[in-house]
Amino acid sequence: MYKITIKSPYIDNVFNSTIQEARLCPKMTFLIPPSTLENQASSSLHSPPLRNKITPGDVGILKSTLLPSFGLYSSLSLATFIAAKATNRVELKDWLWPSAQVLNAWWTAVGQPMCKHDISFGTACQALPWTERVLLSCVTMWGARLFARIACRSLSRGTDDARYEEVKKEPGFWKRAFLKMFLPEAAVLSVISLPFTVPFTMRDAMPRIGDDLVDVVRALGVGLFGVGFAMEVMADTQLALHRQERADLCRHGVWSLVRHPK
């Protein structure tokens, strides 16, 4: 017994009419060759299946990565603003800069799979591919070092940063501080975090490359991070030594290449 699947209304009418005539006259059954029925059945079996799974690539990077990151960063910025206002220390937002990025990386890579699939922390970590483990480790190393430097500098100084002391003198500063200083940084963080959040949220949409090219890309990525991390450490060390001798801006050595008003 064959199953007839017909999509065209015209062909459907012809086949229905022929089948009805064949029922009335058994001798007319030869009008429907078996090969026709086999071809029709085969075409229905090989028709492309319907897609019932929506991947992050279908909804776009905005919904899968940017909006969740902005929601996390804005919540952390609000909590930091409340703490900064209570302690009169605007520089607490500087503490948030590296720590929030590390927290977002771990939440995207491990926290979301734990909540989505109801798995343990260890299982979620073990499920990460080697490349994503290296990426998460690099982000953690960078953020932990920068957070420790900023926190130690702030605690040793005992007062707010001189730049923030000036802006706090403006009338009604704290009334506008959240929308003017804290929330914009949350938006900036959402964008600059894309290099280490997209690989975790859009795995299925990432381009597939050969194994040989993957090894090259991995080596380049680790090498680039190593060079940048080393330059950052040397620059901060050089700046600290420079400030022990004088108070002007450091304009020599590695710091002259990565200069930033810290």
Protein backbone atom coordinates (compact mmCIF):
# COMPACT_ATOMS: atom_id res chain seq x y z
CA MET A 1 0.00 0.00 0.00
CA TYR A 2 1.33 3.43 -0.99
CA LYS A 3 0.72 6.78 0.60
CA ILE A 4 0.05 9.58 -1.90
CA THR A 5 1.22 13.06 -0.89
CA ILE A 6 0.19 15.71 -3.42
CA LYS A 7 0.82 19.45 -3.03
CA SER A 8 -0.64 20.83 -6.27
CA PRO A 9 -4.45 21.32 -6.32
CA TYR A 10 -4.55 20.54 -10.02
CA ILE A 11 -2.70 17.24 -9.67
CA ASP A 12 -4.79 16.45 -6.64
CA ASN A 13 -8.01 16.76 -8.67
CA VAL A 14 -6.62 14.59 -11.47
CA PHE A 15 -5.50 11.85 -9.09
CA ASN A 16 -8.79 11.90 -7.17
CA SER A 17 -10.75 11.67 -10.39
CA THR A 18 -8.60 8.81 -11.67
CA ILE A 19 -8.89 6.90 -8.40
CA GLN A 20 -12.66 7.26 -8.40
CA GLU A 21 -12.81 5.95 -11.98
CA ALA A 22 -10.54 3.08 -11.06
CA ARG A 23 -12.92 2.09 -8.27
CA LEU A 24 -15.81 2.05 -10.71
CA CYS A 25 -13.87 0.11 -13.28
CA PRO A 26 -11.11 -2.19 -11.96
CA LYS A 27 -9.67 -2.51 -15.48
CA MET A 28 -8.61 1.15 -15.38
CA THR A 29 -6.16 0.69 -12.53
CA PHE A 30 -3.35 0.55 -15.07
CA LEU A 31 -3.82 4.32 -15.60
CA ILE A 32 -1.81 4.97 -12.37
CA PRO A 33 1.61 3.39 -12.90
CA PRO A 34 3.32 2.09 -9.77
CA SER A 35 6.38 4.20 -10.58
CA THR A 36 4.29 7.35 -10.26
CA LEU A 37 3.16 6.35 -6.80
CA GLU A 38 6.72 5.46 -5.77
CA ASN A 39 8.10 8.78 -6.98
CA GLN A 40 5.37 10.69 -5.16
CA ALA A 41 6.00 8.78 -1.94
CA SER A 42 9.76 9.28 -2.27
CA SER A 43 9.39 13.02 -2.75
CA SER A 44 7.37 13.29 0.45
CA LEU A 45 9.97 11.33 2.38
CA HIS A 46 12.84 13.49 1.16
CA SER A 47 11.14 16.84 1.67
CA PRO A 48 13.15 19.17 3.99
CA PRO A 49 12.04 18.98 7.63
CA LEU A 50 10.59 22.00 9.36
CA ARG A 51 12.90 23.87 11.73
CA ASN A 52 11.48 23.86 15.22
CA LYS A 53 14.54 25.08 17.08
CA ILE A 54 15.45 28.77 17.23
CA THR A 55 19.16 29.34 17.65
CA PRO A 56 20.79 32.52 18.98
CA GLY A 57 21.76 33.35 15.41
CA ASP A 58 18.08 33.53 14.45
CA VAL A 59 17.16 36.13 17.04
CA GLY A 60 20.41 38.05 16.72
CA ILE A 61 23.18 39.19 18.95
CA LEU A 62 21.04 41.92 20.49
CA LYS A 63 18.67 39.55 22.29
CA SER A 64 21.10 36.73 22.97
CA THR A 65 24.06 38.73 24.26
CA LEU A 66 23.77 42.52 24.45
CA LEU A 67 20.49 42.82 26.34
CA PRO A 68 21.35 40.20 28.99
CA SER A 69 24.75 41.82 29.51
CA PHE A 70 23.23 45.28 29.81
CA GLY A 71 20.66 43.98 32.30
CA LEU A 72 23.41 42.50 34.46
CA TYR A 73 25.68 45.52 34.24
CA SER A 74 22.91 48.03 34.90
CA SER A 75 21.82 46.09 37.99
CA LEU A 76 25.38 46.01 39.29
CA SER A 77 25.78 49.70 38.48
CA LEU A 78 22.66 50.53 40.47
CA ALA A 79 23.93 48.60 43.49
CA THR A 80 27.33 50.26 43.16
CA PHE A 81 25.71 53.70 42.91
CA ILE A 82 23.80 53.10 46.14
CA ALA A 83 27.00 52.02 47.91
CA ALA A 84 28.97 54.93 46.44
CA LYS A 85 26.40 57.47 47.58
CA ALA A 86 26.25 55.96 51.05
CA THR A 87 30.04 56.08 51.44
CA ASN A 88 30.60 59.22 49.33
CA ARG A 89 33.14 57.29 47.23
CA VAL A 90 32.51 57.60 43.50
CA GLU A 91 35.55 55.49 42.77
CA LEU A 92 33.60 52.36 43.72
CA LYS A 93 32.48 52.30 40.12
CA ASP A 94 36.13 51.72 39.20
CA TRP A 95 36.03 48.60 41.36
CA LEU A 96 33.04 47.45 39.33
CA TRP A 97 34.75 47.82 35.94
CA PRO A 98 36.91 44.65 36.05
CA SER A 99 34.83 42.64 38.53
CA ALA A 100 31.60 43.04 36.53
CA GLN A 101 33.25 41.75 33.37
CA VAL A 102 34.58 38.68 35.14
CA LEU A 103 31.18 38.06 36.70
CA ASN A 104 29.46 38.39 33.33
CA ALA A 105 31.91 35.96 31.72
CA TRP A 106 31.29 33.32 34.39
CA TRP A 107 27.55 33.86 34.35
CA THR A 108 27.39 33.53 30.56
CA ALA A 109 29.69 30.51 30.36
CA VAL A 110 28.65 28.58 33.48
CA GLY A 111 25.72 30.21 35.24
CA GLN A 112 23.28 30.23 32.35
CA PRO A 113 23.84 26.52 31.47
CA MET A 114 23.40 25.62 35.14
CA CYS A 115 20.01 27.35 35.27
CA LYS A 116 18.88 26.23 31.83
CA HIS A 117 19.82 22.55 32.09
CA ASP A 118 19.63 22.16 35.90
CA ILE A 119 23.21 20.91 36.22
CA SER A 120 25.87 21.40 38.87
CA PHE A 121 28.74 23.88 38.77
CA GLY A 122 31.30 21.15 38.12
CA THR A 123 29.29 19.63 35.29
CA ALA A 124 28.87 23.02 33.62
CA CYS A 125 32.61 23.68 33.83
CA GLN A 126 33.49 20.25 32.44
CA ALA A 127 31.10 20.76 29.53
CA LEU A 128 33.05 23.80 28.32
CA PRO A 129 35.29 23.13 25.32
CA TRP A 130 39.01 23.67 25.70
CA THR A 131 38.95 26.99 23.84
CA GLU A 132 36.20 28.41 26.04
CA ARG A 133 38.02 27.32 29.18
CA VAL A 134 41.11 29.20 28.05
CA LEU A 135 39.02 32.27 27.22
CA LEU A 136 37.30 32.21 30.62
CA SER A 137 40.63 31.77 32.40
CA CYS A 138 42.18 34.72 30.55
CA VAL A 139 39.27 37.01 31.41
CA THR A 140 39.44 35.93 35.05
CA MET A 141 43.19 36.53 35.27
CA TRP A 142 42.90 39.97 33.73
CA GLY A 143 39.94 41.06 35.86
CA ALA A 144 41.31 39.70 39.13
CA ARG A 145 44.65 41.48 38.69
CA LEU A 146 43.07 44.80 37.74
CA PHE A 147 40.52 44.60 40.55
CA ALA A 148 43.26 43.90 43.10
CA ARG A 149 45.30 46.86 41.86
CA ILE A 150 42.36 49.29 41.94
CA ALA A 151 41.15 48.11 45.35
CA CYS A 152 44.61 48.26 46.94
CA ARG A 153 45.24 51.72 45.54
CA SER A 154 41.88 52.95 46.79
CA LEU A 155 42.28 51.49 50.27
CA SER A 156 45.81 52.81 50.67
CA ARG A 157 44.73 56.30 49.63
CA GLY A 158 41.81 56.35 52.10
CA THR A 159 39.89 59.03 50.22
CA ASP A 160 38.10 59.33 46.93
CA ASP A 161 40.03 59.87 43.72
CA ALA A 162 41.00 63.52 43.17
CA ARG A 163 39.09 63.59 39.87
CA TYR A 164 35.90 62.52 41.58
CA GLU A 165 36.42 64.96 44.45
CA GLU A 166 36.21 67.76 41.91
CA VAL A 167 33.03 66.57 40.21
CA LYS A 168 31.32 66.01 43.57
CA LYS A 169 31.54 69.74 44.20
CA GLU A 170 28.97 70.34 41.46
CA PRO A 171 25.48 71.18 42.83
CA GLY A 172 23.13 68.19 42.77
CA PHE A 173 25.87 65.79 41.71
CA TRP A 174 24.38 62.67 43.28
CA LYS A 175 20.98 63.37 41.72
CA ARG A 176 22.46 63.04 38.24
CA ALA A 177 25.35 60.69 38.94
CA PHE A 178 23.57 57.44 38.12
CA LEU A 179 22.30 58.53 34.71
CA LYS A 180 25.40 60.58 33.92
CA MET A 181 28.24 58.32 35.11
CA PHE A 182 27.14 54.87 36.29
CA LEU A 183 24.54 53.81 33.71
CA PRO A 184 26.57 54.90 30.63
CA GLU A 185 29.43 52.70 31.80
CA ALA A 186 27.01 49.76 31.92
CA ALA A 187 26.23 50.35 28.23
CA VAL A 188 29.93 50.58 27.36
CA LEU A 189 30.67 47.39 29.28
CA SER A 190 27.95 45.56 27.35
CA VAL A 191 29.68 46.39 24.06
CA ILE A 192 33.31 45.79 25.03
CA SER A 193 32.35 42.46 26.64
CA LEU A 194 31.19 41.01 23.31
CA PRO A 195 34.52 39.31 22.48
CA PHE A 196 34.20 37.03 25.51
CA THR A 197 30.41 36.70 25.74
CA VAL A 198 29.48 35.95 22.11
CA PRO A 199 31.52 32.69 22.03
CA PHE A 200 29.44 31.40 24.97
CA THR A 201 25.99 32.57 23.83
CA MET A 202 26.24 31.91 20.08
CA ARG A 203 28.14 28.64 19.83
CA ASP A 204 25.85 27.26 17.10
CA ALA A 205 26.21 30.40 14.99
CA MET A 206 30.01 30.51 15.06
CA PRO A 207 31.73 29.69 11.74
CA ARG A 208 33.21 26.22 11.42
CA ILE A 209 36.90 26.02 10.52
CA GLY A 210 39.35 23.17 10.08
CA ASP A 211 41.35 21.67 12.92
CA ASP A 212 44.65 23.03 11.61
CA LEU A 213 43.26 26.56 11.41
CA VAL A 214 41.69 26.20 14.86
CA ASP A 215 45.11 25.50 16.36
CA VAL A 216 46.55 28.57 14.66
CA VAL A 217 43.70 30.79 15.88
CA ARG A 218 44.07 29.44 19.42
CA ALA A 219 47.81 30.09 19.43
CA LEU A 220 47.33 33.62 18.09
CA GLY A 221 44.64 34.37 20.66
CA VAL A 222 46.69 33.13 23.61
CA GLY A 223 49.77 34.92 22.32
CA LEU A 224 47.90 38.19 21.85
CA PHE A 225 46.45 37.99 25.34
CA GLY A 226 49.86 37.17 26.81
CA VAL A 227 51.50 40.18 25.17
CA GLY A 228 48.72 42.55 26.21
CA PHE A 229 48.59 41.20 29.76
CA ALA A 230 52.37 41.49 30.15
CA MET A 231 52.37 45.07 28.84
CA GLU A 232 49.59 46.03 31.25
CA VAL A 233 51.44 44.58 34.24
CA MET A 234 54.72 46.25 33.27
CA ALA A 235 53.01 49.59 32.63
CA ASP A 236 51.26 49.59 36.02
CA THR A 237 54.48 48.61 37.77
CA GLN A 238 56.39 51.34 35.97
CA LEU A 239 53.73 53.92 36.87
CA ALA A 240 53.86 52.94 40.54
CA LEU A 241 57.64 53.36 40.59
CA HIS A 242 57.37 56.68 38.79
CA ARG A 243 54.88 58.06 41.31
CA GLN A 244 57.22 57.17 44.15
CA GLU A 245 59.75 59.60 42.70
CA ARG A 246 57.58 62.41 41.30
CA ALA A 247 53.98 63.42 40.70
CA ASP A 248 54.03 64.41 37.02
CA LEU A 249 52.70 62.28 34.18
CA CYS A 250 54.82 59.30 33.24
CA ARG A 251 55.84 59.64 29.58
CA HIS A 252 58.51 56.99 29.10
CA GLY A 253 58.87 53.21 28.85
CA VAL A 254 55.89 50.89 28.39
CA TRP A 255 53.55 53.39 30.05
CA SER A 256 54.09 55.80 27.15
CA LEU A 257 52.49 53.19 24.86
CA VAL A 258 49.50 52.32 27.04
CA ARG A 259 49.11 55.63 28.85
CA HIS A 260 45.86 56.12 30.75
CA PRO A 261 45.12 58.65 33.51
CA LYS A 262 44.95 56.29 36.48
